[in-house]
Amino acid sequence: MTLLLNRSQLESLLDPADCLDALRRGFAAESGDVGPQRVVTPLPGPGTATALIPGLIKGVPAYTVKVNAKFPGVRPALRGVVCLHDLDTGELLSLLDSATVTAWRTGLAAALGTHALARRDADTVAVIGAGAQSDLVLKGLTGLRQVRELVVYDLDAGRATEFAKRHGMRLGVPATTASNARAAASGAGIVIVATWARRPLLNGGDVVAGTHVTSLGADEPGKTELGAELLEGARVVVDDVALAVEMGVLAGAGLDVKHAAGTLRDLLRGQVPGRVKDNEITVYAPVGLPWQDLAVAWVAYSAARDTDTGATFDFLR
């Protein structure tokens, strides 16, 4: 029997602290002998199809296969499923809404990277792109450090206002909106960028010395949020160097492997340094790896079994 878990059920099952712990364990684990594959293909219309295989974490007796449709002009822009399989038999244990799993794993993994690279005294956060991923980054980040001020920019001014109001009330801090990306980033110690941009939103000189920038939008060919000048003057950490050069932040800026200081796994395992000087600019720019889908999907599946949540379906009947 396969357990079916939709968005509302996943939201009720998932807890940021539990997912942060699962992701932290995933980063600490050995990468294994089976390499991840990320396949992105354009479609005849305005969207793309993406598949991520296989999601594997040592010690978790399952693997994931994720299939997404990405259509920026519709809401929600990302639709698909995460298939959770038994590692020994291949049994399809669960089908989970991929938009929810993706937002949680991307946002919370980014929170870990942001906290690891930002200055310890950085407590003013700018959000550029007030969507689900920024929402989860902020929720995860505020579980790791104190945030005293929030500035939000989005192409949809109403969405920026709603985001600022909601998180300002949740945190009990001043929360305002900005008129553009540069204005939002100008006075922040931490900048979170999560958009569909295909040209740089921030360039050299748009952030001050000591700023940390987390860029989540450059996750497939043609998408870019940060200009080459900014990246060339920063310490850049990614989740996979080869993917960053092929389709991530480095590809979007026309840069190569020498501009990557290492991966977040290396940093969290103490194999590469993070921030070296308080006045340097740091960047965390992931593409997204399959094992992160497994980390969140396994948390949700385990909680669903414990609470008898979700419907079951027999595909072999």
C-alpha atoms as a PDB file:
ATOM      1  CA  MET A   1       0.000   0.000   0.000  1.00  0.00           C
ATOM      2  CA  THR A   2       1.191   3.492  -0.884  1.00  0.00           C
ATOM      3  CA  LEU A   3       0.590   6.397   1.493  1.00  0.00           C
ATOM      4  CA  LEU A   4      -0.641   9.561  -0.245  1.00  0.00           C
ATOM      5  CA  LEU A   5       0.294  12.876   1.419  1.00  0.00           C
ATOM      6  CA  ASN A   6      -0.977  16.206   0.094  1.00  0.00           C
ATOM      7  CA  ARG A   7       0.162  19.716   0.900  1.00  0.00           C
ATOM      8  CA  SER A   8      -2.051  20.371   3.919  1.00  0.00           C
ATOM      9  CA  GLN A   9      -1.163  17.019   5.449  1.00  0.00           C
ATOM     10  CA  LEU A  10       2.554  17.640   4.961  1.00  0.00           C
ATOM     11  CA  GLU A  11       2.259  21.098   6.515  1.00  0.00           C
ATOM     12  CA  SER A  12       0.609  19.531   9.567  1.00  0.00           C
ATOM     13  CA  LEU A  13       3.255  16.808   9.861  1.00  0.00           C
ATOM     14  CA  LEU A  14       6.455  18.762   9.286  1.00  0.00           C
ATOM     15  CA  ASP A  15       8.252  20.733  11.983  1.00  0.00           C
ATOM     16  CA  PRO A  16      11.160  23.068  11.101  1.00  0.00           C
ATOM     17  CA  ALA A  17      13.335  21.841  13.969  1.00  0.00           C
ATOM     18  CA  ASP A  18      12.879  18.168  13.006  1.00  0.00           C
ATOM     19  CA  CYS A  19      13.639  18.906   9.352  1.00  0.00           C
ATOM     20  CA  LEU A  20      16.695  20.988  10.247  1.00  0.00           C
ATOM     21  CA  ASP A  21      18.007  18.063  12.293  1.00  0.00           C
ATOM     22  CA  ALA A  22      17.368  15.634   9.409  1.00  0.00           C
ATOM     23  CA  LEU A  23      19.117  17.910   6.915  1.00  0.00           C
ATOM     24  CA  ARG A  24      22.031  18.497   9.281  1.00  0.00           C
ATOM     25  CA  ARG A  25      22.477  14.720   9.609  1.00  0.00           C
ATOM     26  CA  GLY A  26      22.332  14.409   5.834  1.00  0.00           C
ATOM     27  CA  PHE A  27      25.077  16.971   5.373  1.00  0.00           C
ATOM     28  CA  ALA A  28      27.183  15.188   8.000  1.00  0.00           C
ATOM     29  CA  ALA A  29      26.785  11.765   6.359  1.00  0.00           C
ATOM     30  CA  GLU A  30      29.175  10.364   3.776  1.00  0.00           C
ATOM     31  CA  SER A  31      28.113  11.208   0.233  1.00  0.00           C
ATOM     32  CA  GLY A  32      28.120   7.546  -0.851  1.00  0.00           C
ATOM     33  CA  ASP A  33      29.086   5.749  -4.057  1.00  0.00           C
ATOM     34  CA  VAL A  34      25.960   6.575  -6.086  1.00  0.00           C
ATOM     35  CA  GLY A  35      26.060  10.057  -7.565  1.00  0.00           C
ATOM     36  CA  PRO A  36      22.952  12.239  -7.766  1.00  0.00           C
ATOM     37  CA  GLN A  37      21.389  13.068 -11.114  1.00  0.00           C
ATOM     38  CA  ARG A  38      19.468  16.225 -11.885  1.00  0.00           C
ATOM     39  CA  VAL A  39      17.800  16.294 -15.307  1.00  0.00           C
ATOM     40  CA  VAL A  40      16.148  19.472 -16.599  1.00  0.00           C
ATOM     41  CA  THR A  41      14.495  19.676 -20.005  1.00  0.00           C
ATOM     42  CA  PRO A  42      12.627  22.555 -21.670  1.00  0.00           C
ATOM     43  CA  LEU A  43       9.091  21.965 -22.912  1.00  0.00           C
ATOM     44  CA  PRO A  44       7.391  23.351 -26.053  1.00  0.00           C
ATOM     45  CA  GLY A  45       5.553  25.925 -23.936  1.00  0.00           C
ATOM     46  CA  PRO A  46       6.753  28.201 -21.131  1.00  0.00           C
ATOM     47  CA  GLY A  47       7.730  25.529 -18.617  1.00  0.00           C
ATOM     48  CA  THR A  48      10.371  22.936 -17.814  1.00  0.00           C
ATOM     49  CA  ALA A  49      10.372  19.374 -16.549  1.00  0.00           C
ATOM     50  CA  THR A  50      12.825  18.329 -13.837  1.00  0.00           C
ATOM     51  CA  ALA A  51      13.732  14.949 -12.358  1.00  0.00           C
ATOM     52  CA  LEU A  52      16.009  14.349  -9.355  1.00  0.00           C
ATOM     53  CA  ILE A  53      17.286  10.818  -8.646  1.00  0.00           C
ATOM     54  CA  PRO A  54      18.167   9.022  -6.429  1.00  0.00           C
ATOM     55  CA  GLY A  55      17.682  10.600  -3.010  1.00  0.00           C
ATOM     56  CA  LEU A  56      19.936   8.596  -0.683  1.00  0.00           C
ATOM     57  CA  ILE A  57      21.148   9.119   2.891  1.00  0.00           C
ATOM     58  CA  LYS A  58      23.204   6.528   4.726  1.00  0.00           C
ATOM     59  CA  GLY A  59      21.067   5.021   7.479  1.00  0.00           C
ATOM     60  CA  VAL A  60      17.676   5.821   5.883  1.00  0.00           C
ATOM     61  CA  PRO A  61      16.104   2.624   4.465  1.00  0.00           C
ATOM     62  CA  ALA A  62      14.464   4.379   1.519  1.00  0.00           C
ATOM     63  CA  TYR A  63      15.232   6.441  -1.575  1.00  0.00           C
ATOM     64  CA  THR A  64      13.384   9.150  -3.480  1.00  0.00           C
ATOM     65  CA  VAL A  65      12.656   9.999  -7.090  1.00  0.00           C
ATOM     66  CA  LYS A  66      11.220  13.469  -7.691  1.00  0.00           C
ATOM     67  CA  VAL A  67       9.462  14.688 -10.829  1.00  0.00           C
ATOM     68  CA  ASN A  68       8.516  18.353 -11.136  1.00  0.00           C
ATOM     69  CA  ALA A  69       6.765  20.563 -13.637  1.00  0.00           C
ATOM     70  CA  LYS A  70       7.893  24.208 -13.397  1.00  0.00           C
ATOM     71  CA  PHE A  71       5.669  26.858 -14.979  1.00  0.00           C
ATOM     72  CA  PRO A  72       6.595  30.336 -13.679  1.00  0.00           C
ATOM     73  CA  GLY A  73       3.445  32.011 -14.998  1.00  0.00           C
ATOM     74  CA  VAL A  74       0.965  29.935 -12.995  1.00  0.00           C
ATOM     75  CA  ARG A  75       0.279  29.437  -9.284  1.00  0.00           C
ATOM     76  CA  PRO A  76       1.572  27.247  -7.862  1.00  0.00           C
ATOM     77  CA  ALA A  77       4.501  27.411 -10.266  1.00  0.00           C
ATOM     78  CA  LEU A  78       5.875  24.031  -9.213  1.00  0.00           C
ATOM     79  CA  ARG A  79       3.815  20.852  -9.302  1.00  0.00           C
ATOM     80  CA  GLY A  80       4.747  17.202  -9.075  1.00  0.00           C
ATOM     81  CA  VAL A  81       5.404  14.271  -6.779  1.00  0.00           C
ATOM     82  CA  VAL A  82       8.141  12.826  -4.640  1.00  0.00           C
ATOM     83  CA  CYS A  83       8.116   9.042  -4.837  1.00  0.00           C
ATOM     84  CA  LEU A  84       9.443   7.400  -1.665  1.00  0.00           C
ATOM     85  CA  HIS A  85      10.601   3.811  -2.237  1.00  0.00           C
ATOM     86  CA  ASP A  86      11.778   1.070   0.089  1.00  0.00           C
ATOM     87  CA  LEU A  87      15.546   0.733  -0.403  1.00  0.00           C
ATOM     88  CA  ASP A  88      15.551  -3.090  -0.223  1.00  0.00           C
ATOM     89  CA  THR A  89      12.454  -3.985  -2.249  1.00  0.00           C
ATOM     90  CA  GLY A  90      11.591  -0.905  -4.323  1.00  0.00           C
ATOM     91  CA  GLU A  91       8.087  -0.855  -2.815  1.00  0.00           C
ATOM     92  CA  LEU A  92       6.435   2.541  -3.353  1.00  0.00           C
ATOM     93  CA  LEU A  93       5.949   3.612   0.254  1.00  0.00           C
ATOM     94  CA  SER A  94       4.526   7.071  -0.341  1.00  0.00           C
ATOM     95  CA  LEU A  95       3.670   9.774  -2.864  1.00  0.00           C
ATOM     96  CA  LEU A  96       4.196  13.288  -1.484  1.00  0.00           C
ATOM     97  CA  ASP A  97       3.397  16.720  -2.910  1.00  0.00           C
ATOM     98  CA  SER A  98       6.712  17.860  -4.355  1.00  0.00           C
ATOM     99  CA  ALA A  99       6.055  21.598  -4.078  1.00  0.00           C
ATOM    100  CA  THR A 100       5.824  21.289  -0.295  1.00  0.00           C
ATOM    101  CA  VAL A 101       8.797  18.957   0.057  1.00  0.00           C
ATOM    102  CA  THR A 102      10.888  21.169  -2.237  1.00  0.00           C
ATOM    103  CA  ALA A 103      10.048  24.374  -0.360  1.00  0.00           C
ATOM    104  CA  TRP A 104      10.868  22.810   3.004  1.00  0.00           C
ATOM    105  CA  ARG A 105      14.117  21.127   2.009  1.00  0.00           C
ATOM    106  CA  THR A 106      15.358  24.078  -0.036  1.00  0.00           C
ATOM    107  CA  GLY A 107      14.409  26.705   2.527  1.00  0.00           C
ATOM    108  CA  LEU A 108      15.697  24.876   5.583  1.00  0.00           C
ATOM    109  CA  ALA A 109      18.927  23.676   3.963  1.00  0.00           C
ATOM    110  CA  ALA A 110      19.451  27.298   2.933  1.00  0.00           C
ATOM    111  CA  ALA A 111      18.856  28.377   6.531  1.00  0.00           C
ATOM    112  CA  LEU A 112      21.723  26.097   7.603  1.00  0.00           C
ATOM    113  CA  GLY A 113      23.990  27.554   4.935  1.00  0.00           C
ATOM    114  CA  THR A 114      22.990  31.111   5.746  1.00  0.00           C
ATOM    115  CA  HIS A 115      23.617  30.693   9.454  1.00  0.00           C
ATOM    116  CA  ALA A 116      26.972  29.005   8.834  1.00  0.00           C
ATOM    117  CA  LEU A 117      28.284  31.783   6.565  1.00  0.00           C
ATOM    118  CA  ALA A 118      26.719  34.995   7.887  1.00  0.00           C
ATOM    119  CA  ARG A 119      28.485  37.123  10.500  1.00  0.00           C
ATOM    120  CA  ARG A 120      27.458  36.119  14.002  1.00  0.00           C
ATOM    121  CA  ASP A 121      26.170  39.648  14.670  1.00  0.00           C
ATOM    122  CA  ALA A 122      24.176  39.879  11.406  1.00  0.00           C
ATOM    123  CA  ASP A 123      20.562  40.352  12.473  1.00  0.00           C
ATOM    124  CA  THR A 124      18.975  42.482   9.710  1.00  0.00           C
ATOM    125  CA  VAL A 125      17.492  40.298   6.958  1.00  0.00           C
ATOM    126  CA  ALA A 126      16.421  41.370   3.479  1.00  0.00           C
ATOM    127  CA  VAL A 127      14.115  39.073   1.519  1.00  0.00           C
ATOM    128  CA  ILE A 128      13.955  39.454  -2.263  1.00  0.00           C
ATOM    129  CA  GLY A 129      11.157  37.256  -3.565  1.00  0.00           C
ATOM    130  CA  ALA A 130       8.418  36.721  -0.979  1.00  0.00           C
ATOM    131  CA  GLY A 131       7.482  33.148  -1.850  1.00  0.00           C
ATOM    132  CA  ALA A 132       7.405  29.765  -0.162  1.00  0.00           C
ATOM    133  CA  GLN A 133      11.146  29.223  -0.213  1.00  0.00           C
ATOM    134  CA  SER A 134      11.938  32.563   1.439  1.00  0.00           C
ATOM    135  CA  ASP A 135       9.237  31.800   3.990  1.00  0.00           C
ATOM    136  CA  LEU A 136      10.949  28.553   4.992  1.00  0.00           C
ATOM    137  CA  VAL A 137      14.445  30.086   4.986  1.00  0.00           C
ATOM    138  CA  LEU A 138      13.235  32.722   7.418  1.00  0.00           C
ATOM    139  CA  LYS A 139      11.433  30.209   9.627  1.00  0.00           C
ATOM    140  CA  GLY A 140      14.526  28.020   9.764  1.00  0.00           C
ATOM    141  CA  LEU A 141      16.936  30.911  10.236  1.00  0.00           C
ATOM    142  CA  THR A 142      15.003  32.363  13.164  1.00  0.00           C
ATOM    143  CA  GLY A 143      15.305  28.993  14.868  1.00  0.00           C
ATOM    144  CA  LEU A 144      19.094  29.314  14.579  1.00  0.00           C
ATOM    145  CA  ARG A 145      19.745  33.002  15.320  1.00  0.00           C
ATOM    146  CA  GLN A 146      17.973  36.173  16.390  1.00  0.00           C
ATOM    147  CA  VAL A 147      16.584  38.478  13.709  1.00  0.00           C
ATOM    148  CA  ARG A 148      15.907  42.075  14.784  1.00  0.00           C
ATOM    149  CA  GLU A 149      14.747  43.657  11.528  1.00  0.00           C
ATOM    150  CA  LEU A 150      13.214  42.516   8.223  1.00  0.00           C
ATOM    151  CA  VAL A 151      13.002  44.225   4.816  1.00  0.00           C
ATOM    152  CA  VAL A 152      11.034  42.634   1.955  1.00  0.00           C
ATOM    153  CA  TYR A 153      10.883  43.224  -1.787  1.00  0.00           C
ATOM    154  CA  ASP A 154       8.769  41.374  -4.344  1.00  0.00           C
ATOM    155  CA  LEU A 155       7.523  42.258  -7.835  1.00  0.00           C
ATOM    156  CA  ASP A 156       4.056  41.875  -6.306  1.00  0.00           C
ATOM    157  CA  ALA A 157       3.962  44.703  -3.759  1.00  0.00           C
ATOM    158  CA  GLY A 158       0.942  43.201  -2.024  1.00  0.00           C
ATOM    159  CA  ARG A 159       2.710  39.911  -1.498  1.00  0.00           C
ATOM    160  CA  ALA A 160       5.748  41.737  -0.084  1.00  0.00           C
ATOM    161  CA  THR A 161       3.517  43.638   2.342  1.00  0.00           C
ATOM    162  CA  GLU A 162       1.738  40.475   3.480  1.00  0.00           C
ATOM    163  CA  PHE A 163       5.057  38.631   3.950  1.00  0.00           C
ATOM    164  CA  ALA A 164       6.544  41.484   5.974  1.00  0.00           C
ATOM    165  CA  LYS A 165       3.451  41.812   8.152  1.00  0.00           C
ATOM    166  CA  ARG A 166       3.184  38.085   8.836  1.00  0.00           C
ATOM    167  CA  HIS A 167       6.812  37.548   9.775  1.00  0.00           C
ATOM    168  CA  GLY A 168       7.120  40.871  11.578  1.00  0.00           C
ATOM    169  CA  MET A 169       4.227  39.879  13.839  1.00  0.00           C
ATOM    170  CA  ARG A 170       5.602  36.360  14.308  1.00  0.00           C
ATOM    171  CA  LEU A 171       9.023  37.655  15.328  1.00  0.00           C
ATOM    172  CA  GLY A 172       7.924  40.858  17.043  1.00  0.00           C
ATOM    173  CA  VAL A 173      10.369  42.942  14.985  1.00  0.00           C
ATOM    174  CA  PRO A 174      10.138  45.925  12.605  1.00  0.00           C
ATOM    175  CA  ALA A 175       9.282  44.681   9.101  1.00  0.00           C
ATOM    176  CA  THR A 176       9.082  46.987   6.086  1.00  0.00           C
ATOM    177  CA  THR A 177       9.004  46.730   2.297  1.00  0.00           C
ATOM    178  CA  ALA A 178      11.436  48.141  -0.266  1.00  0.00           C
ATOM    179  CA  SER A 179      10.847  49.531  -3.737  1.00  0.00           C
ATOM    180  CA  ASN A 180      13.468  47.365  -5.459  1.00  0.00           C
ATOM    181  CA  ALA A 181      16.041  44.641  -4.845  1.00  0.00           C
ATOM    182  CA  ARG A 182      18.973  47.016  -4.409  1.00  0.00           C
ATOM    183  CA  ALA A 183      17.125  49.092  -1.826  1.00  0.00           C
ATOM    184  CA  ALA A 184      16.194  45.964   0.121  1.00  0.00           C
ATOM    185  CA  ALA A 185      19.768  44.656   0.184  1.00  0.00           C
ATOM    186  CA  SER A 186      21.539  47.947   0.862  1.00  0.00           C
ATOM    187  CA  GLY A 187      21.484  47.884   4.665  1.00  0.00           C
ATOM    188  CA  ALA A 188      21.081  44.188   5.428  1.00  0.00           C
ATOM    189  CA  GLY A 189      23.594  41.827   6.976  1.00  0.00           C
ATOM    190  CA  ILE A 190      21.800  38.849   5.439  1.00  0.00           C
ATOM    191  CA  VAL A 191      20.094  38.860   2.031  1.00  0.00           C
ATOM    192  CA  ILE A 192      17.814  36.014   0.886  1.00  0.00           C
ATOM    193  CA  VAL A 193      17.049  35.949  -2.849  1.00  0.00           C
ATOM    194  CA  ALA A 194      14.495  33.432  -4.148  1.00  0.00           C
ATOM    195  CA  THR A 195      13.058  34.427  -7.531  1.00  0.00           C
ATOM    196  CA  TRP A 196      12.548  33.291 -11.116  1.00  0.00           C
ATOM    197  CA  ALA A 197      14.958  35.976 -12.396  1.00  0.00           C
ATOM    198  CA  ARG A 198      16.808  35.495 -15.686  1.00  0.00           C
ATOM    199  CA  ARG A 199      19.054  38.527 -15.267  1.00  0.00           C
ATOM    200  CA  PRO A 200      21.013  39.651 -12.203  1.00  0.00           C
ATOM    201  CA  LEU A 201      19.049  41.403  -9.471  1.00  0.00           C
ATOM    202  CA  LEU A 202      22.177  42.262  -7.453  1.00  0.00           C
ATOM    203  CA  ASN A 203      25.575  43.256  -8.820  1.00  0.00           C
ATOM    204  CA  GLY A 204      28.899  44.376  -7.416  1.00  0.00           C
ATOM    205  CA  GLY A 205      28.395  47.372  -5.152  1.00  0.00           C
ATOM    206  CA  ASP A 206      24.772  46.506  -4.331  1.00  0.00           C
ATOM    207  CA  VAL A 207      25.746  44.855  -1.037  1.00  0.00           C
ATOM    208  CA  VAL A 208      28.167  46.225   1.530  1.00  0.00           C
ATOM    209  CA  ALA A 209      31.264  44.540   2.934  1.00  0.00           C
ATOM    210  CA  GLY A 210      30.416  41.802   5.424  1.00  0.00           C
ATOM    211  CA  THR A 211      27.055  40.939   3.885  1.00  0.00           C
ATOM    212  CA  HIS A 212      25.946  37.352   3.369  1.00  0.00           C
ATOM    213  CA  VAL A 213      23.744  36.536   0.352  1.00  0.00           C
ATOM    214  CA  THR A 214      21.785  33.310  -0.094  1.00  0.00           C
ATOM    215  CA  SER A 215      20.612  32.877  -3.692  1.00  0.00           C
ATOM    216  CA  LEU A 216      18.073  30.125  -4.403  1.00  0.00           C
ATOM    217  CA  GLY A 217      16.738  30.977  -7.861  1.00  0.00           C
ATOM    218  CA  ALA A 218      19.585  29.777 -10.103  1.00  0.00           C
ATOM    219  CA  ASP A 219      18.615  26.112 -10.122  1.00  0.00           C
ATOM    220  CA  GLU A 220      18.391  25.438 -13.857  1.00  0.00           C
ATOM    221  CA  PRO A 221      19.955  26.786 -17.075  1.00  0.00           C
ATOM    222  CA  GLY A 222      19.087  30.400 -17.886  1.00  0.00           C
ATOM    223  CA  LYS A 223      18.161  31.477 -14.362  1.00  0.00           C
ATOM    224  CA  THR A 224      20.401  33.958 -12.570  1.00  0.00           C
ATOM    225  CA  GLU A 225      20.072  36.333  -9.615  1.00  0.00           C
ATOM    226  CA  LEU A 226      23.625  37.533  -8.888  1.00  0.00           C
ATOM    227  CA  GLY A 227      26.007  39.314 -11.244  1.00  0.00           C
ATOM    228  CA  ALA A 228      29.527  38.128 -12.036  1.00  0.00           C
ATOM    229  CA  GLU A 229      31.193  41.107 -10.343  1.00  0.00           C
ATOM    230  CA  LEU A 230      29.450  40.371  -7.039  1.00  0.00           C
ATOM    231  CA  LEU A 231      30.363  36.673  -7.201  1.00  0.00           C
ATOM    232  CA  GLU A 232      33.979  37.293  -8.196  1.00  0.00           C
ATOM    233  CA  GLY A 233      34.458  39.433  -5.091  1.00  0.00           C
ATOM    234  CA  ALA A 234      32.752  36.984  -2.728  1.00  0.00           C
ATOM    235  CA  ARG A 235      33.452  33.665  -1.016  1.00  0.00           C
ATOM    236  CA  VAL A 236      30.966  31.403  -2.823  1.00  0.00           C
ATOM    237  CA  VAL A 237      29.748  28.135  -1.305  1.00  0.00           C
ATOM    238  CA  VAL A 238      27.437  25.825  -3.285  1.00  0.00           C
ATOM    239  CA  ASP A 239      25.849  22.420  -2.719  1.00  0.00           C
ATOM    240  CA  ASP A 240      27.473  20.767  -5.754  1.00  0.00           C
ATOM    241  CA  VAL A 241      30.328  22.399  -7.675  1.00  0.00           C
ATOM    242  CA  ALA A 242      29.734  20.589 -10.959  1.00  0.00           C
ATOM    243  CA  LEU A 243      26.026  21.483 -10.971  1.00  0.00           C
ATOM    244  CA  ALA A 244      26.790  25.087 -10.007  1.00  0.00           C
ATOM    245  CA  VAL A 245      28.987  25.360 -13.109  1.00  0.00           C
ATOM    246  CA  GLU A 246      26.532  23.481 -15.334  1.00  0.00           C
ATOM    247  CA  MET A 247      23.241  25.111 -14.372  1.00  0.00           C
ATOM    248  CA  GLY A 248      23.589  27.038 -11.108  1.00  0.00           C
ATOM    249  CA  VAL A 249      24.890  30.376  -9.871  1.00  0.00           C
ATOM    250  CA  LEU A 250      28.291  30.076 -11.554  1.00  0.00           C
ATOM    251  CA  ALA A 251      26.759  29.101 -14.896  1.00  0.00           C
ATOM    252  CA  GLY A 252      24.425  32.093 -14.805  1.00  0.00           C
ATOM    253  CA  ALA A 253      27.373  34.439 -14.310  1.00  0.00           C
ATOM    254  CA  GLY A 254      29.674  32.719 -16.803  1.00  0.00           C
ATOM    255  CA  LEU A 255      32.121  31.638 -14.086  1.00  0.00           C
ATOM    256  CA  ASP A 256      33.910  28.333 -13.506  1.00  0.00           C
ATOM    257  CA  VAL A 257      34.959  25.997 -10.709  1.00  0.00           C
ATOM    258  CA  LYS A 258      37.730  28.224  -9.382  1.00  0.00           C
ATOM    259  CA  HIS A 259      35.085  30.658  -8.119  1.00  0.00           C
ATOM    260  CA  ALA A 260      33.614  28.056  -5.731  1.00  0.00           C
ATOM    261  CA  ALA A 261      35.191  27.911  -2.264  1.00  0.00           C
ATOM    262  CA  GLY A 262      33.591  24.511  -1.665  1.00  0.00           C
ATOM    263  CA  THR A 263      30.292  22.894  -0.771  1.00  0.00           C
ATOM    264  CA  LEU A 264      28.078  23.267   2.272  1.00  0.00           C
ATOM    265  CA  ARG A 265      28.697  19.607   3.095  1.00  0.00           C
ATOM    266  CA  ASP A 266      32.449  20.319   3.150  1.00  0.00           C
ATOM    267  CA  LEU A 267      31.895  23.393   5.319  1.00  0.00           C
ATOM    268  CA  LEU A 268      29.635  21.669   7.861  1.00  0.00           C
ATOM    269  CA  ARG A 269      32.036  18.721   8.052  1.00  0.00           C
ATOM    270  CA  GLY A 270      34.912  21.128   8.765  1.00  0.00           C
ATOM    271  CA  GLN A 271      36.738  20.307   5.526  1.00  0.00           C
ATOM    272  CA  VAL A 272      36.698  23.854   4.106  1.00  0.00           C
ATOM    273  CA  PRO A 273      36.531  27.199   5.949  1.00  0.00           C
ATOM    274  CA  GLY A 274      33.397  29.302   5.952  1.00  0.00           C
ATOM    275  CA  ARG A 275      33.602  33.025   6.551  1.00  0.00           C
ATOM    276  CA  VAL A 276      37.247  33.981   7.048  1.00  0.00           C
ATOM    277  CA  LYS A 277      36.908  37.746   7.662  1.00  0.00           C
ATOM    278  CA  ASP A 278      34.028  39.805   9.005  1.00  0.00           C
ATOM    279  CA  ASN A 279      34.255  42.262   6.110  1.00  0.00           C
ATOM    280  CA  GLU A 280      34.136  39.729   3.267  1.00  0.00           C
ATOM    281  CA  ILE A 281      30.995  39.062   1.242  1.00  0.00           C
ATOM    282  CA  THR A 282      29.810  35.456   1.380  1.00  0.00           C
ATOM    283  CA  VAL A 283      27.333  33.693  -0.882  1.00  0.00           C
ATOM    284  CA  TYR A 284      25.471  30.411  -0.506  1.00  0.00           C
ATOM    285  CA  ALA A 285      23.876  29.351  -3.783  1.00  0.00           C
ATOM    286  CA  PRO A 286      22.506  25.800  -3.978  1.00  0.00           C
ATOM    287  CA  VAL A 287      20.969  24.017  -6.949  1.00  0.00           C
ATOM    288  CA  GLY A 288      19.233  21.397  -4.782  1.00  0.00           C
ATOM    289  CA  LEU A 289      20.248  17.750  -4.327  1.00  0.00           C
ATOM    290  CA  PRO A 290      18.077  14.609  -4.294  1.00  0.00           C
ATOM    291  CA  TRP A 291      19.113  13.461  -0.805  1.00  0.00           C
ATOM    292  CA  GLN A 292      17.552  16.625   0.643  1.00  0.00           C
ATOM    293  CA  ASP A 293      14.164  15.486  -0.716  1.00  0.00           C
ATOM    294  CA  LEU A 294      14.650  12.192   1.112  1.00  0.00           C
ATOM    295  CA  ALA A 295      15.545  13.923   4.386  1.00  0.00           C
ATOM    296  CA  VAL A 296      12.241  15.819   4.479  1.00  0.00           C
ATOM    297  CA  ALA A 297      10.135  13.060   2.895  1.00  0.00           C
ATOM    298  CA  TRP A 298      11.323  10.525   5.484  1.00  0.00           C
ATOM    299  CA  VAL A 299      10.468  12.887   8.355  1.00  0.00           C
ATOM    300  CA  ALA A 300       6.971  13.352   6.893  1.00  0.00           C
ATOM    301  CA  TYR A 301       6.426   9.660   6.161  1.00  0.00           C
ATOM    302  CA  SER A 302       7.543   8.609   9.641  1.00  0.00           C
ATOM    303  CA  ALA A 303       5.270  11.199  11.266  1.00  0.00           C
ATOM    304  CA  ALA A 304       2.349  10.152   9.042  1.00  0.00           C
ATOM    305  CA  ARG A 305       2.686   6.521  10.096  1.00  0.00           C
ATOM    306  CA  ASP A 306       2.882   7.509  13.761  1.00  0.00           C
ATOM    307  CA  THR A 307      -0.266   9.657  13.518  1.00  0.00           C
ATOM    308  CA  ASP A 308      -2.234   7.608  10.972  1.00  0.00           C
ATOM    309  CA  THR A 309      -2.301  10.555   8.571  1.00  0.00           C
ATOM    310  CA  GLY A 310      -2.971  10.258   4.823  1.00  0.00           C
ATOM    311  CA  ALA A 311      -4.901   7.957   2.527  1.00  0.00           C
ATOM    312  CA  THR A 312      -3.568   4.662   1.178  1.00  0.00           C
ATOM    313  CA  PHE A 313      -3.755   3.394  -2.377  1.00  0.00           C
ATOM    314  CA  ASP A 314      -2.846   0.042  -3.894  1.00  0.00           C
ATOM    315  CA  PHE A 315      -1.202   0.563  -7.297  1.00  0.00           C
ATOM    316  CA  LEU A 316      -0.794  -3.209  -7.740  1.00  0.00           C
ATOM    317  CA  ARG A 317      -4.427  -4.073  -7.244  1.00  0.00           C
END
